[in-house]
Structures are given as structure tokens and as C-alpha cells.
PDB file of N, CA and C in Angstrom:
ATOM      1  N   MET A   1      10.889 -25.025  17.424  1.00  0.00           N
ATOM      2  CA  MET A   1      10.199 -25.077  16.157  1.00  0.00           C
ATOM      3  C   MET A   1      10.702 -26.290  15.386  1.00  0.00           C
ATOM      4  N   ALA A   2       9.786 -27.043  14.872  1.00  0.00           N
ATOM      5  CA  ALA A   2      10.160 -28.227  14.101  1.00  0.00           C
ATOM      6  C   ALA A   2      10.555 -27.816  12.695  1.00  0.00           C
ATOM      7  N   SER A   3      11.582 -28.442  12.201  1.00  0.00           N
ATOM      8  CA  SER A   3      12.017 -28.176  10.830  1.00  0.00           C
ATOM      9  C   SER A   3      11.387 -29.200   9.903  1.00  0.00           C
ATOM     10  N   ALA A   4      11.457 -28.909   8.607  1.00  0.00           N
ATOM     11  CA  ALA A   4      10.942 -29.868   7.627  1.00  0.00           C
ATOM     12  C   ALA A   4      11.663 -31.196   7.775  1.00  0.00           C
ATOM     13  N   GLU A   5      12.977 -31.138   8.062  1.00  0.00           N
ATOM     14  CA  GLU A   5      13.756 -32.369   8.200  1.00  0.00           C
ATOM     15  C   GLU A   5      13.287 -33.199   9.384  1.00  0.00           C
ATOM     16  N   SER A   6      13.039 -32.560  10.547  1.00  0.00           N
ATOM     17  CA  SER A   6      12.616 -33.332  11.720  1.00  0.00           C
ATOM     18  C   SER A   6      11.215 -33.904  11.528  1.00  0.00           C
ATOM     19  N   ILE A   7      10.351 -33.158  10.857  1.00  0.00           N
ATOM     20  CA  ILE A   7       9.010 -33.667  10.568  1.00  0.00           C
ATOM     21  C   ILE A   7       9.096 -34.838   9.599  1.00  0.00           C
ATOM     22  N   GLU A   8      10.011 -34.720   8.647  1.00  0.00           N
ATOM     23  CA  GLU A   8      10.208 -35.800   7.689  1.00  0.00           C
ATOM     24  C   GLU A   8      10.741 -37.050   8.389  1.00  0.00           C
ATOM     25  N   GLN A   9      11.676 -36.883   9.316  1.00  0.00           N
ATOM     26  CA  GLN A   9      12.242 -38.011  10.052  1.00  0.00           C
ATOM     27  C   GLN A   9      11.173 -38.737  10.859  1.00  0.00           C
ATOM     28  N   GLN A  10      10.164 -37.999  11.312  1.00  0.00           N
ATOM     29  CA  GLN A  10       9.079 -38.604  12.080  1.00  0.00           C
ATOM     30  C   GLN A  10       8.018 -39.226  11.172  1.00  0.00           C
ATOM     31  N   GLY A  11       8.195 -39.085   9.853  1.00  0.00           N
ATOM     32  CA  GLY A  11       7.237 -39.643   8.908  1.00  0.00           C
ATOM     33  C   GLY A  11       5.963 -38.831   8.781  1.00  0.00           C
ATOM     34  N   LEU A  12       6.010 -37.557   9.157  1.00  0.00           N
ATOM     35  CA  LEU A  12       4.807 -36.724   9.156  1.00  0.00           C
ATOM     36  C   LEU A  12       4.765 -35.693   8.030  1.00  0.00           C
ATOM     37  N   PHE A  13       5.873 -35.524   7.314  1.00  0.00           N
ATOM     38  CA  PHE A  13       5.949 -34.420   6.363  1.00  0.00           C
ATOM     39  C   PHE A  13       4.868 -34.488   5.286  1.00  0.00           C
ATOM     40  N   GLU A  14       4.663 -35.646   4.677  1.00  0.00           N
ATOM     41  CA  GLU A  14       3.672 -35.737   3.608  1.00  0.00           C
ATOM     42  C   GLU A  14       2.272 -35.411   4.113  1.00  0.00           C
ATOM     43  N   THR A  15       1.966 -35.815   5.333  1.00  0.00           N
ATOM     44  CA  THR A  15       0.662 -35.508   5.922  1.00  0.00           C
ATOM     45  C   THR A  15       0.492 -34.006   6.118  1.00  0.00           C
ATOM     46  N   LEU A  16       1.591 -33.321   6.448  1.00  0.00           N
ATOM     47  CA  LEU A  16       1.552 -31.883   6.743  1.00  0.00           C
ATOM     48  C   LEU A  16       2.035 -31.014   5.588  1.00  0.00           C
ATOM     49  N   ARG A  17       2.317 -31.610   4.448  1.00  0.00           N
ATOM     50  CA  ARG A  17       2.903 -30.869   3.319  1.00  0.00           C
ATOM     51  C   ARG A  17       2.094 -29.627   2.946  1.00  0.00           C
ATOM     52  N   SER A  18       0.760 -29.711   2.879  1.00  0.00           N
ATOM     53  CA  SER A  18      -0.035 -28.548   2.463  1.00  0.00           C
ATOM     54  C   SER A  18       0.136 -27.393   3.453  1.00  0.00           C
ATOM     55  N   ASN A  19       0.241 -27.694   4.747  1.00  0.00           N
ATOM     56  CA  ASN A  19       0.486 -26.648   5.744  1.00  0.00           C
ATOM     57  C   ASN A  19       1.848 -26.007   5.520  1.00  0.00           C
ATOM     58  N   PHE A  20       2.848 -26.842   5.281  1.00  0.00           N
ATOM     59  CA  PHE A  20       4.209 -26.359   5.041  1.00  0.00           C
ATOM     60  C   PHE A  20       4.246 -25.482   3.792  1.00  0.00           C
ATOM     61  N   ASP A  21       3.616 -25.954   2.707  1.00  0.00           N
ATOM     62  CA  ASP A  21       3.609 -25.197   1.453  1.00  0.00           C
ATOM     63  C   ASP A  21       2.901 -23.857   1.619  1.00  0.00           C
ATOM     64  N   ASP A  22       1.773 -23.832   2.346  1.00  0.00           N
ATOM     65  CA  ASP A  22       1.056 -22.573   2.597  1.00  0.00           C
ATOM     66  C   ASP A  22       1.923 -21.589   3.376  1.00  0.00           C
ATOM     67  N   ALA A  23       2.564 -22.076   4.429  1.00  0.00           N
ATOM     68  CA  ALA A  23       3.427 -21.206   5.249  1.00  0.00           C
ATOM     69  C   ALA A  23       4.605 -20.692   4.435  1.00  0.00           C
ATOM     70  N   LYS A  24       5.208 -21.535   3.628  1.00  0.00           N
ATOM     71  CA  LYS A  24       6.342 -21.118   2.783  1.00  0.00           C
ATOM     72  C   LYS A  24       5.916 -20.070   1.777  1.00  0.00           C
ATOM     73  N   GLN A  25       4.750 -20.251   1.170  1.00  0.00           N
ATOM     74  CA  GLN A  25       4.253 -19.278   0.195  1.00  0.00           C
ATOM     75  C   GLN A  25       4.027 -17.916   0.863  1.00  0.00           C
ATOM     76  N   ARG A  26       3.405 -17.899   2.038  1.00  0.00           N
ATOM     77  CA  ARG A  26       3.188 -16.634   2.759  1.00  0.00           C
ATOM     78  C   ARG A  26       4.511 -15.978   3.129  1.00  0.00           C
ATOM     79  N   HIS A  27       5.456 -16.778   3.578  1.00  0.00           N
ATOM     80  CA  HIS A  27       6.784 -16.256   3.919  1.00  0.00           C
ATOM     81  C   HIS A  27       7.426 -15.610   2.693  1.00  0.00           C
ATOM     82  N   ASP A  28       7.404 -16.295   1.575  1.00  0.00           N
ATOM     83  CA  ASP A  28       8.007 -15.767   0.350  1.00  0.00           C
ATOM     84  C   ASP A  28       7.327 -14.476  -0.094  1.00  0.00           C
ATOM     85  N   GLU A  29       5.996 -14.414   0.021  1.00  0.00           N
ATOM     86  CA  GLU A  29       5.246 -13.215  -0.371  1.00  0.00           C
ATOM     87  C   GLU A  29       5.570 -12.016   0.523  1.00  0.00           C
ATOM     88  N   MET A  30       5.960 -12.272   1.767  1.00  0.00           N
ATOM     89  CA  MET A  30       6.212 -11.196   2.736  1.00  0.00           C
ATOM     90  C   MET A  30       7.683 -10.805   2.855  1.00  0.00           C
ATOM     91  N   MET A  31       8.559 -11.409   2.083  1.00  0.00           N
ATOM     92  CA  MET A  31       9.999 -11.165   2.230  1.00  0.00           C
ATOM     93  C   MET A  31      10.365  -9.684   2.229  1.00  0.00           C
ATOM     94  N   SER A  32       9.751  -8.887   1.372  1.00  0.00           N
ATOM     95  CA  SER A  32      10.107  -7.466   1.312  1.00  0.00           C
ATOM     96  C   SER A  32       9.702  -6.726   2.573  1.00  0.00           C
ATOM     97  N   LYS A  33       8.726  -7.222   3.290  1.00  0.00           N
ATOM     98  CA  LYS A  33       8.294  -6.590   4.537  1.00  0.00           C
ATOM     99  C   LYS A  33       9.035  -7.159   5.736  1.00  0.00           C
ATOM    100  N   ILE A  34       9.379  -8.431   5.665  1.00  0.00           N
ATOM    101  CA  ILE A  34      10.031  -9.107   6.783  1.00  0.00           C
ATOM    102  C   ILE A  34      11.434  -8.572   7.007  1.00  0.00           C
ATOM    103  N   HIS A  35      12.182  -8.370   5.962  1.00  0.00           N
ATOM    104  CA  HIS A  35      13.596  -8.019   6.084  1.00  0.00           C
ATOM    105  C   HIS A  35      13.901  -6.586   5.664  1.00  0.00           C
ATOM    106  N   ARG A  36      13.016  -5.662   5.953  1.00  0.00           N
ATOM    107  CA  ARG A  36      13.260  -4.301   5.471  1.00  0.00           C
ATOM    108  C   ARG A  36      13.918  -3.398   6.494  1.00  0.00           C
ATOM    109  N   ASP A  37      13.776  -3.670   7.781  1.00  0.00           N
ATOM    110  CA  ASP A  37      14.332  -2.811   8.826  1.00  0.00           C
ATOM    111  C   ASP A  37      15.272  -3.604   9.722  1.00  0.00           C
ATOM    112  N   SER A  38      16.428  -3.027  10.019  1.00  0.00           N
ATOM    113  CA  SER A  38      17.351  -3.685  10.939  1.00  0.00           C
ATOM    114  C   SER A  38      16.923  -3.394  12.375  1.00  0.00           C
ATOM    115  N   LYS A  39      17.512  -4.111  13.306  1.00  0.00           N
ATOM    116  CA  LYS A  39      17.225  -3.856  14.721  1.00  0.00           C
ATOM    117  C   LYS A  39      17.645  -2.442  15.097  1.00  0.00           C
ATOM    118  N   ALA A  40      18.751  -1.967  14.533  1.00  0.00           N
ATOM    119  CA  ALA A  40      19.201  -0.591  14.782  1.00  0.00           C
ATOM    120  C   ALA A  40      18.179   0.409  14.237  1.00  0.00           C
ATOM    121  N   ASP A  41      17.602   0.124  13.062  1.00  0.00           N
ATOM    122  CA  ASP A  41      16.562   0.994  12.501  1.00  0.00           C
ATOM    123  C   ASP A  41      15.369   1.082  13.449  1.00  0.00           C
ATOM    124  N   ILE A  42      14.904  -0.067  13.926  1.00  0.00           N
ATOM    125  CA  ILE A  42      13.741  -0.112  14.818  1.00  0.00           C
ATOM    126  C   ILE A  42      14.023   0.677  16.090  1.00  0.00           C
ATOM    127  N   HIS A  43      15.202   0.483  16.654  1.00  0.00           N
ATOM    128  CA  HIS A  43      15.601   1.212  17.862  1.00  0.00           C
ATOM    129  C   HIS A  43      15.530   2.718  17.601  1.00  0.00           C
ATOM    130  N   GLY A  44      16.060   3.142  16.476  1.00  0.00           N
ATOM    131  CA  GLY A  44      16.039   4.560  16.125  1.00  0.00           C
ATOM    132  C   GLY A  44      14.638   5.100  15.931  1.00  0.00           C
ATOM    133  N   TYR A  45      13.764   4.345  15.264  1.00  0.00           N
ATOM    134  CA  TYR A  45      12.376   4.785  15.052  1.00  0.00           C
ATOM    135  C   TYR A  45      11.690   5.064  16.383  1.00  0.00           C
ATOM    136  N   ILE A  46      11.883   4.165  17.322  1.00  0.00           N
ATOM    137  CA  ILE A  46      11.213   4.286  18.624  1.00  0.00           C
ATOM    138  C   ILE A  46      11.741   5.497  19.387  1.00  0.00           C
ATOM    139  N   GLU A  47      13.056   5.634  19.454  1.00  0.00           N
ATOM    140  CA  GLU A  47      13.637   6.760  20.186  1.00  0.00           C
ATOM    141  C   GLU A  47      13.345   8.084  19.492  1.00  0.00           C
ATOM    142  N   ASN A  48      13.383   8.110  18.169  1.00  0.00           N
ATOM    143  CA  ASN A  48      13.078   9.347  17.443  1.00  0.00           C
ATOM    144  C   ASN A  48      11.621   9.767  17.587  1.00  0.00           C
ATOM    145  N   ALA A  49      10.758   8.827  17.927  1.00  0.00           N
ATOM    146  CA  ALA A  49       9.347   9.130  18.167  1.00  0.00           C
ATOM    147  C   ALA A  49       9.114   9.616  19.593  1.00  0.00           C
ATOM    148  N   GLY A  50      10.196   9.721  20.378  1.00  0.00           N
ATOM    149  CA  GLY A  50      10.078  10.261  21.727  1.00  0.00           C
ATOM    150  C   GLY A  50       9.829   9.238  22.817  1.00  0.00           C
ATOM    151  N   PHE A  51      10.200   8.005  22.572  1.00  0.00           N
ATOM    152  CA  PHE A  51      10.013   6.953  23.570  1.00  0.00           C
ATOM    153  C   PHE A  51      11.352   6.502  24.128  1.00  0.00           C
ATOM    154  N   LYS A  52      11.325   6.046  25.377  1.00  0.00           N
ATOM    155  CA  LYS A  52      12.481   5.432  26.032  1.00  0.00           C
ATOM    156  C   LYS A  52      12.206   3.932  26.076  1.00  0.00           C
ATOM    157  N   ILE A  53      13.113   3.147  25.553  1.00  0.00           N
ATOM    158  CA  ILE A  53      12.946   1.689  25.537  1.00  0.00           C
ATOM    159  C   ILE A  53      13.253   1.145  26.927  1.00  0.00           C
ATOM    160  N   THR A  54      12.286   0.406  27.486  1.00  0.00           N
ATOM    161  CA  THR A  54      12.468  -0.171  28.823  1.00  0.00           C
ATOM    162  C   THR A  54      12.697  -1.680  28.777  1.00  0.00           C
ATOM    163  N   ASP A  55      12.327  -2.315  27.669  1.00  0.00           N
ATOM    164  CA  ASP A  55      12.591  -3.751  27.502  1.00  0.00           C
ATOM    165  C   ASP A  55      12.720  -4.035  26.021  1.00  0.00           C
ATOM    166  N   TRP A  56      13.703  -4.846  25.666  1.00  0.00           N
ATOM    167  CA  TRP A  56      13.995  -5.153  24.266  1.00  0.00           C
ATOM    168  C   TRP A  56      14.274  -6.648  24.157  1.00  0.00           C
ATOM    169  N   GLN A  57      13.435  -7.350  23.412  1.00  0.00           N
ATOM    170  CA  GLN A  57      13.623  -8.784  23.201  1.00  0.00           C
ATOM    171  C   GLN A  57      13.722  -9.006  21.697  1.00  0.00           C
ATOM    172  N   ASP A  58      14.893  -9.409  21.245  1.00  0.00           N
ATOM    173  CA  ASP A  58      15.079  -9.540  19.800  1.00  0.00           C
ATOM    174  C   ASP A  58      15.367 -10.968  19.351  1.00  0.00           C
ATOM    175  N   ALA A  59      15.021 -11.928  20.164  1.00  0.00           N
ATOM    176  CA  ALA A  59      15.241 -13.328  19.782  1.00  0.00           C
ATOM    177  C   ALA A  59      13.913 -14.063  19.626  1.00  0.00           C
ATOM    178  N   GLU A  60      12.840 -13.328  19.351  1.00  0.00           N
ATOM    179  CA  GLU A  60      11.522 -13.944  19.218  1.00  0.00           C
ATOM    180  C   GLU A  60      11.319 -14.470  17.803  1.00  0.00           C
ATOM    181  N   TYR A  61      10.518 -15.485  17.666  1.00  0.00           N
ATOM    182  CA  TYR A  61      10.165 -16.086  16.383  1.00  0.00           C
ATOM    183  C   TYR A  61      11.400 -16.277  15.511  1.00  0.00           C
ATOM    184  N   ALA A  62      12.284 -17.120  15.987  1.00  0.00           N
ATOM    185  CA  ALA A  62      13.526 -17.452  15.271  1.00  0.00           C
ATOM    186  C   ALA A  62      14.346 -16.207  14.962  1.00  0.00           C
ATOM    187  N   GLU A  63      14.379 -15.299  15.913  1.00  0.00           N
ATOM    188  CA  GLU A  63      15.126 -14.040  15.815  1.00  0.00           C
ATOM    189  C   GLU A  63      14.670 -13.167  14.650  1.00  0.00           C
ATOM    190  N   ALA A  64      13.391 -13.291  14.271  1.00  0.00           N
ATOM    191  CA  ALA A  64      12.849 -12.489  13.181  1.00  0.00           C
ATOM    192  C   ALA A  64      11.911 -11.391  13.673  1.00  0.00           C
ATOM    193  N   VAL A  65      11.616 -11.394  14.967  1.00  0.00           N
ATOM    194  CA  VAL A  65      10.665 -10.428  15.533  1.00  0.00           C
ATOM    195  C   VAL A  65      11.314  -9.736  16.724  1.00  0.00           C
ATOM    196  N   VAL A  66      11.098  -8.432  16.825  1.00  0.00           N
ATOM    197  CA  VAL A  66      11.554  -7.666  17.973  1.00  0.00           C
ATOM    198  C   VAL A  66      10.326  -7.276  18.787  1.00  0.00           C
ATOM    199  N   VAL A  67      10.361  -7.574  20.080  1.00  0.00           N
ATOM    200  CA  VAL A  67       9.276  -7.190  20.989  1.00  0.00           C
ATOM    201  C   VAL A  67       9.834  -6.095  21.892  1.00  0.00           C
ATOM    202  N   VAL A  68       9.180  -4.938  21.886  1.00  0.00           N
ATOM    203  CA  VAL A  68       9.703  -3.778  22.594  1.00  0.00           C
ATOM    204  C   VAL A  68       8.663  -3.249  23.578  1.00  0.00           C
ATOM    205  N   GLU A  69       9.148  -2.899  24.759  1.00  0.00           N
ATOM    206  CA  GLU A  69       8.337  -2.159  25.717  1.00  0.00           C
ATOM    207  C   GLU A  69       8.992  -0.800  25.839  1.00  0.00           C
ATOM    208  N   ALA A  70       8.195   0.257  25.702  1.00  0.00           N
ATOM    209  CA  ALA A  70       8.740   1.605  25.743  1.00  0.00           C
ATOM    210  C   ALA A  70       7.759   2.532  26.433  1.00  0.00           C
ATOM    211  N   GLU A  71       8.298   3.630  26.951  1.00  0.00           N
ATOM    212  CA  GLU A  71       7.437   4.634  27.580  1.00  0.00           C
ATOM    213  C   GLU A  71       7.768   5.995  26.997  1.00  0.00           C
ATOM    214  N   LYS A  72       6.741   6.826  26.922  1.00  0.00           N
ATOM    215  CA  LYS A  72       6.924   8.176  26.389  1.00  0.00           C
ATOM    216  C   LYS A  72       7.825   8.963  27.312  1.00  0.00           C
ATOM    217  N   LYS A  73       8.828   9.622  26.707  1.00  0.00           N
ATOM    218  CA  LYS A  73       9.773  10.429  27.495  1.00  0.00           C
ATOM    219  C   LYS A  73       9.100  11.658  28.043  1.00  0.00           C
TER     220      LYS A  73
END
């Protein structure tokens, strides 16, 4: 993922500023939803719902997304 700094170093930031600002605004608006559950919470929700986790990937989207494969017990 390119950072604002790397885009700026390439001389592209001003051209892409509106995209960056839109993404930042959406991120800020979603903060209460993005950071509300820990990985341990998610694990518990799945198991308490009667599922067995068969695959767990927690380094997706800059370690902000958990991708889970589970099967009903």
C-alpha cells in the first residue's frame, strides 16, 4: 500500500489529493465501527455461535481485517 509520503515523493500527491481526502474522511467516519472488536472478541463470537474456526488470517488490509473460515460444529 502506498503511503501519502511515497505518493508525495513521486510527485503524485496533489493529483490524487481528492482521492486521499475522500478515503481519509470515510476512515474517520467509520472509526467507531473499525476499532470496536478485538481479535479475541471476534474469535469468541464465532465459537460461541457454534462454529469451529478452520482458517484465521488476521493480517489483511494493514492488519485491520480478519478473514475467517469456519464450519458448524
